[in-house]
């Protein structure tokens, strides 16, 4: 099973940008579909974005479509989430996740193989 470690969170003003990274180890990174979930204070975890093993296909939640971009570098065993035009509603702990199967599997929390420890993103107004 792959182990996941996020980095890149922090405090940013509304309208700003952040880039999250997720380093994977202990497994064959290219065998997994990858994605990001987030959990805002007092709310349940929600799907943010997913990417196929090849990086060709992506999937986004409607709330981030057009603002966030997911990508991966299989040679570096690393997943990324570029977040632009951030809003206070994007404030949350962001988790890197992995799964196997068709791409839409990554959007189902109960179908995931592994979770990272999370990184906090805070967007001030």
C-alpha atoms as a PDB file:
ATOM      1  CA  UNK A   1       0.000   0.000   0.000  1.00  0.00           C
ATOM      2  CA  UNK A   2       1.323   3.418  -0.906  1.00  0.00           C
ATOM      3  CA  UNK A   3       2.116   5.987   1.797  1.00  0.00           C
ATOM      4  CA  UNK A   4       1.227   9.622   1.120  1.00  0.00           C
ATOM      5  CA  UNK A   5       2.635  12.875   2.519  1.00  0.00           C
ATOM      6  CA  UNK A   6       1.237  16.306   1.631  1.00  0.00           C
ATOM      7  CA  UNK A   7       3.007  19.659   1.721  1.00  0.00           C
ATOM      8  CA  UNK A   8       2.449  23.208   0.537  1.00  0.00           C
ATOM      9  CA  UNK A   9      -0.445  24.369   2.665  1.00  0.00           C
ATOM     10  CA  UNK A  10      -0.505  27.785   4.316  1.00  0.00           C
ATOM     11  CA  UNK A  11      -2.245  31.123   4.665  1.00  0.00           C
ATOM     12  CA  UNK A  12      -3.200  33.083   1.558  1.00  0.00           C
ATOM     13  CA  UNK A  13      -5.475  36.013   0.781  1.00  0.00           C
ATOM     14  CA  UNK A  14      -8.617  35.587  -1.277  1.00  0.00           C
ATOM     15  CA  UNK A  15      -7.767  35.631  -4.969  1.00  0.00           C
ATOM     16  CA  UNK A  16      -4.314  34.199  -4.350  1.00  0.00           C
ATOM     17  CA  UNK A  17      -2.757  30.880  -5.310  1.00  0.00           C
ATOM     18  CA  UNK A  18      -1.167  27.872  -3.637  1.00  0.00           C
ATOM     19  CA  UNK A  19       0.335  24.656  -4.948  1.00  0.00           C
ATOM     20  CA  UNK A  20      -0.016  21.494  -2.910  1.00  0.00           C
ATOM     21  CA  UNK A  21       2.278  18.508  -3.383  1.00  0.00           C
ATOM     22  CA  UNK A  22       1.883  14.897  -2.343  1.00  0.00           C
ATOM     23  CA  UNK A  23       4.895  12.575  -2.202  1.00  0.00           C
ATOM     24  CA  UNK A  24       4.118   8.877  -2.528  1.00  0.00           C
ATOM     25  CA  UNK A  25       6.272   6.007  -1.310  1.00  0.00           C
ATOM     26  CA  UNK A  26       6.065   2.291  -0.669  1.00  0.00           C
ATOM     27  CA  UNK A  27       4.167   1.349  -3.794  1.00  0.00           C
ATOM     28  CA  UNK A  28       4.139   1.631  -7.565  1.00  0.00           C
ATOM     29  CA  UNK A  29       2.799   5.165  -7.960  1.00  0.00           C
ATOM     30  CA  UNK A  30       1.835   4.700 -11.585  1.00  0.00           C
ATOM     31  CA  UNK A  31      -0.554   1.881 -10.661  1.00  0.00           C
ATOM     32  CA  UNK A  32      -2.836   4.188  -8.709  1.00  0.00           C
ATOM     33  CA  UNK A  33      -5.427   6.746  -9.569  1.00  0.00           C
ATOM     34  CA  UNK A  34      -4.817   9.741  -7.308  1.00  0.00           C
ATOM     35  CA  UNK A  35      -6.823  12.596  -5.932  1.00  0.00           C
ATOM     36  CA  UNK A  36      -7.514  15.235  -3.327  1.00  0.00           C
ATOM     37  CA  UNK A  37     -10.200  15.504  -0.675  1.00  0.00           C
ATOM     38  CA  UNK A  38     -10.732  18.330   1.783  1.00  0.00           C
ATOM     39  CA  UNK A  39     -12.447  18.851   5.107  1.00  0.00           C
ATOM     40  CA  UNK A  40     -13.569  22.275   6.255  1.00  0.00           C
ATOM     41  CA  UNK A  41     -14.191  23.015   9.950  1.00  0.00           C
ATOM     42  CA  UNK A  42     -17.440  21.433  11.076  1.00  0.00           C
ATOM     43  CA  UNK A  43     -18.073  19.772   7.724  1.00  0.00           C
ATOM     44  CA  UNK A  44     -17.627  16.317   6.245  1.00  0.00           C
ATOM     45  CA  UNK A  45     -14.753  15.425   3.949  1.00  0.00           C
ATOM     46  CA  UNK A  46     -15.503  16.154   0.307  1.00  0.00           C
ATOM     47  CA  UNK A  47     -13.967  15.180  -3.007  1.00  0.00           C
ATOM     48  CA  UNK A  48     -11.956  17.899  -4.760  1.00  0.00           C
ATOM     49  CA  UNK A  49     -10.154  16.420  -7.783  1.00  0.00           C
ATOM     50  CA  UNK A  50      -8.885  13.152  -9.270  1.00  0.00           C
ATOM     51  CA  UNK A  51      -6.464  12.056 -11.977  1.00  0.00           C
ATOM     52  CA  UNK A  52      -5.945   8.827 -13.894  1.00  0.00           C
ATOM     53  CA  UNK A  53      -2.735   6.799 -13.629  1.00  0.00           C
ATOM     54  CA  UNK A  54      -1.521   8.220 -16.944  1.00  0.00           C
ATOM     55  CA  UNK A  55      -2.458  11.793 -16.095  1.00  0.00           C
ATOM     56  CA  UNK A  56      -4.550  12.122 -19.227  1.00  0.00           C
ATOM     57  CA  UNK A  57      -7.977  12.089 -17.564  1.00  0.00           C
ATOM     58  CA  UNK A  58      -9.070  14.341 -14.706  1.00  0.00           C
ATOM     59  CA  UNK A  59     -12.169  14.843 -12.587  1.00  0.00           C
ATOM     60  CA  UNK A  60     -13.168  17.901 -10.532  1.00  0.00           C
ATOM     61  CA  UNK A  61     -15.826  18.904  -8.060  1.00  0.00           C
ATOM     62  CA  UNK A  62     -18.064  21.638  -9.449  1.00  0.00           C
ATOM     63  CA  UNK A  63     -16.964  24.003  -6.675  1.00  0.00           C
ATOM     64  CA  UNK A  64     -13.335  24.048  -7.895  1.00  0.00           C
ATOM     65  CA  UNK A  65     -13.725  23.518 -11.632  1.00  0.00           C
ATOM     66  CA  UNK A  66     -11.871  26.208 -13.583  1.00  0.00           C
ATOM     67  CA  UNK A  67      -9.842  27.288 -10.526  1.00  0.00           C
ATOM     68  CA  UNK A  68      -7.935  24.143  -9.472  1.00  0.00           C
ATOM     69  CA  UNK A  69      -5.691  21.951 -11.614  1.00  0.00           C
ATOM     70  CA  UNK A  70      -4.579  18.448 -10.651  1.00  0.00           C
ATOM     71  CA  UNK A  71      -1.460  16.909 -12.182  1.00  0.00           C
ATOM     72  CA  UNK A  72       1.060  14.158 -11.490  1.00  0.00           C
ATOM     73  CA  UNK A  73       4.676  13.316 -12.231  1.00  0.00           C
ATOM     74  CA  UNK A  74       5.034   9.535 -12.212  1.00  0.00           C
ATOM     75  CA  UNK A  75       8.825   9.767 -12.540  1.00  0.00           C
ATOM     76  CA  UNK A  76       8.921  11.724  -9.250  1.00  0.00           C
ATOM     77  CA  UNK A  77       6.102   9.803  -7.520  1.00  0.00           C
ATOM     78  CA  UNK A  78       4.418  13.136  -6.867  1.00  0.00           C
ATOM     79  CA  UNK A  79       0.883  14.488  -7.147  1.00  0.00           C
ATOM     80  CA  UNK A  80       0.088  18.205  -7.359  1.00  0.00           C
ATOM     81  CA  UNK A  81      -2.877  20.493  -6.885  1.00  0.00           C
ATOM     82  CA  UNK A  82      -2.545  24.013  -8.282  1.00  0.00           C
ATOM     83  CA  UNK A  83      -5.149  26.221  -6.627  1.00  0.00           C
ATOM     84  CA  UNK A  84      -5.854  29.619  -8.181  1.00  0.00           C
ATOM     85  CA  UNK A  85      -8.392  32.347  -7.389  1.00  0.00           C
ATOM     86  CA  UNK A  86      -8.784  30.952  -3.897  1.00  0.00           C
ATOM     87  CA  UNK A  87     -11.881  31.816  -1.859  1.00  0.00           C
ATOM     88  CA  UNK A  88     -12.487  31.775   1.903  1.00  0.00           C
ATOM     89  CA  UNK A  89     -14.806  28.792   1.265  1.00  0.00           C
ATOM     90  CA  UNK A  90     -11.708  26.819   0.147  1.00  0.00           C
ATOM     91  CA  UNK A  91     -10.348  26.922   3.713  1.00  0.00           C
ATOM     92  CA  UNK A  92      -9.892  23.300   4.784  1.00  0.00           C
ATOM     93  CA  UNK A  93      -7.466  20.521   5.509  1.00  0.00           C
ATOM     94  CA  UNK A  94      -6.523  18.988   2.158  1.00  0.00           C
ATOM     95  CA  UNK A  95      -5.810  15.263   1.916  1.00  0.00           C
ATOM     96  CA  UNK A  96      -3.997  13.335  -0.787  1.00  0.00           C
ATOM     97  CA  UNK A  97      -5.679  10.007  -1.576  1.00  0.00           C
ATOM     98  CA  UNK A  98      -5.092   6.947  -3.739  1.00  0.00           C
ATOM     99  CA  UNK A  99      -7.262   4.222  -5.213  1.00  0.00           C
ATOM    100  CA  UNK A 100      -7.359   1.580  -7.932  1.00  0.00           C
ATOM    101  CA  UNK A 101      -9.972   1.078 -10.621  1.00  0.00           C
ATOM    102  CA  UNK A 102     -11.820   3.475 -12.936  1.00  0.00           C
ATOM    103  CA  UNK A 103     -11.266   7.201 -12.419  1.00  0.00           C
ATOM    104  CA  UNK A 104     -14.610   7.880 -10.727  1.00  0.00           C
ATOM    105  CA  UNK A 105     -13.534   5.532  -7.896  1.00  0.00           C
ATOM    106  CA  UNK A 106     -11.365   8.378  -6.570  1.00  0.00           C
ATOM    107  CA  UNK A 107     -14.432  10.440  -5.697  1.00  0.00           C
ATOM    108  CA  UNK A 108     -15.791   7.808  -3.264  1.00  0.00           C
ATOM    109  CA  UNK A 109     -14.226   8.078   0.204  1.00  0.00           C
ATOM    110  CA  UNK A 110     -15.152   4.494   1.113  1.00  0.00           C
ATOM    111  CA  UNK A 111     -13.330   3.115  -1.961  1.00  0.00           C
ATOM    112  CA  UNK A 112      -9.927   4.709  -1.289  1.00  0.00           C
ATOM    113  CA  UNK A 113      -6.744   2.754  -0.517  1.00  0.00           C
ATOM    114  CA  UNK A 114      -4.800   5.374   1.401  1.00  0.00           C
ATOM    115  CA  UNK A 115      -4.954   8.893   2.865  1.00  0.00           C
ATOM    116  CA  UNK A 116      -2.197  11.323   3.693  1.00  0.00           C
ATOM    117  CA  UNK A 117      -2.029  13.169   7.013  1.00  0.00           C
ATOM    118  CA  UNK A 118      -3.418  16.382   5.524  1.00  0.00           C
ATOM    119  CA  UNK A 119      -2.177  19.942   5.026  1.00  0.00           C
ATOM    120  CA  UNK A 120      -4.070  23.046   6.150  1.00  0.00           C
ATOM    121  CA  UNK A 121      -5.058  25.737   3.660  1.00  0.00           C
ATOM    122  CA  UNK A 122      -6.444  28.956   5.093  1.00  0.00           C
ATOM    123  CA  UNK A 123      -7.861  31.647   2.805  1.00  0.00           C
ATOM    124  CA  UNK A 124      -8.457  35.049   4.383  1.00  0.00           C
ATOM    125  CA  UNK A 125     -10.995  37.534   3.074  1.00  0.00           C
END
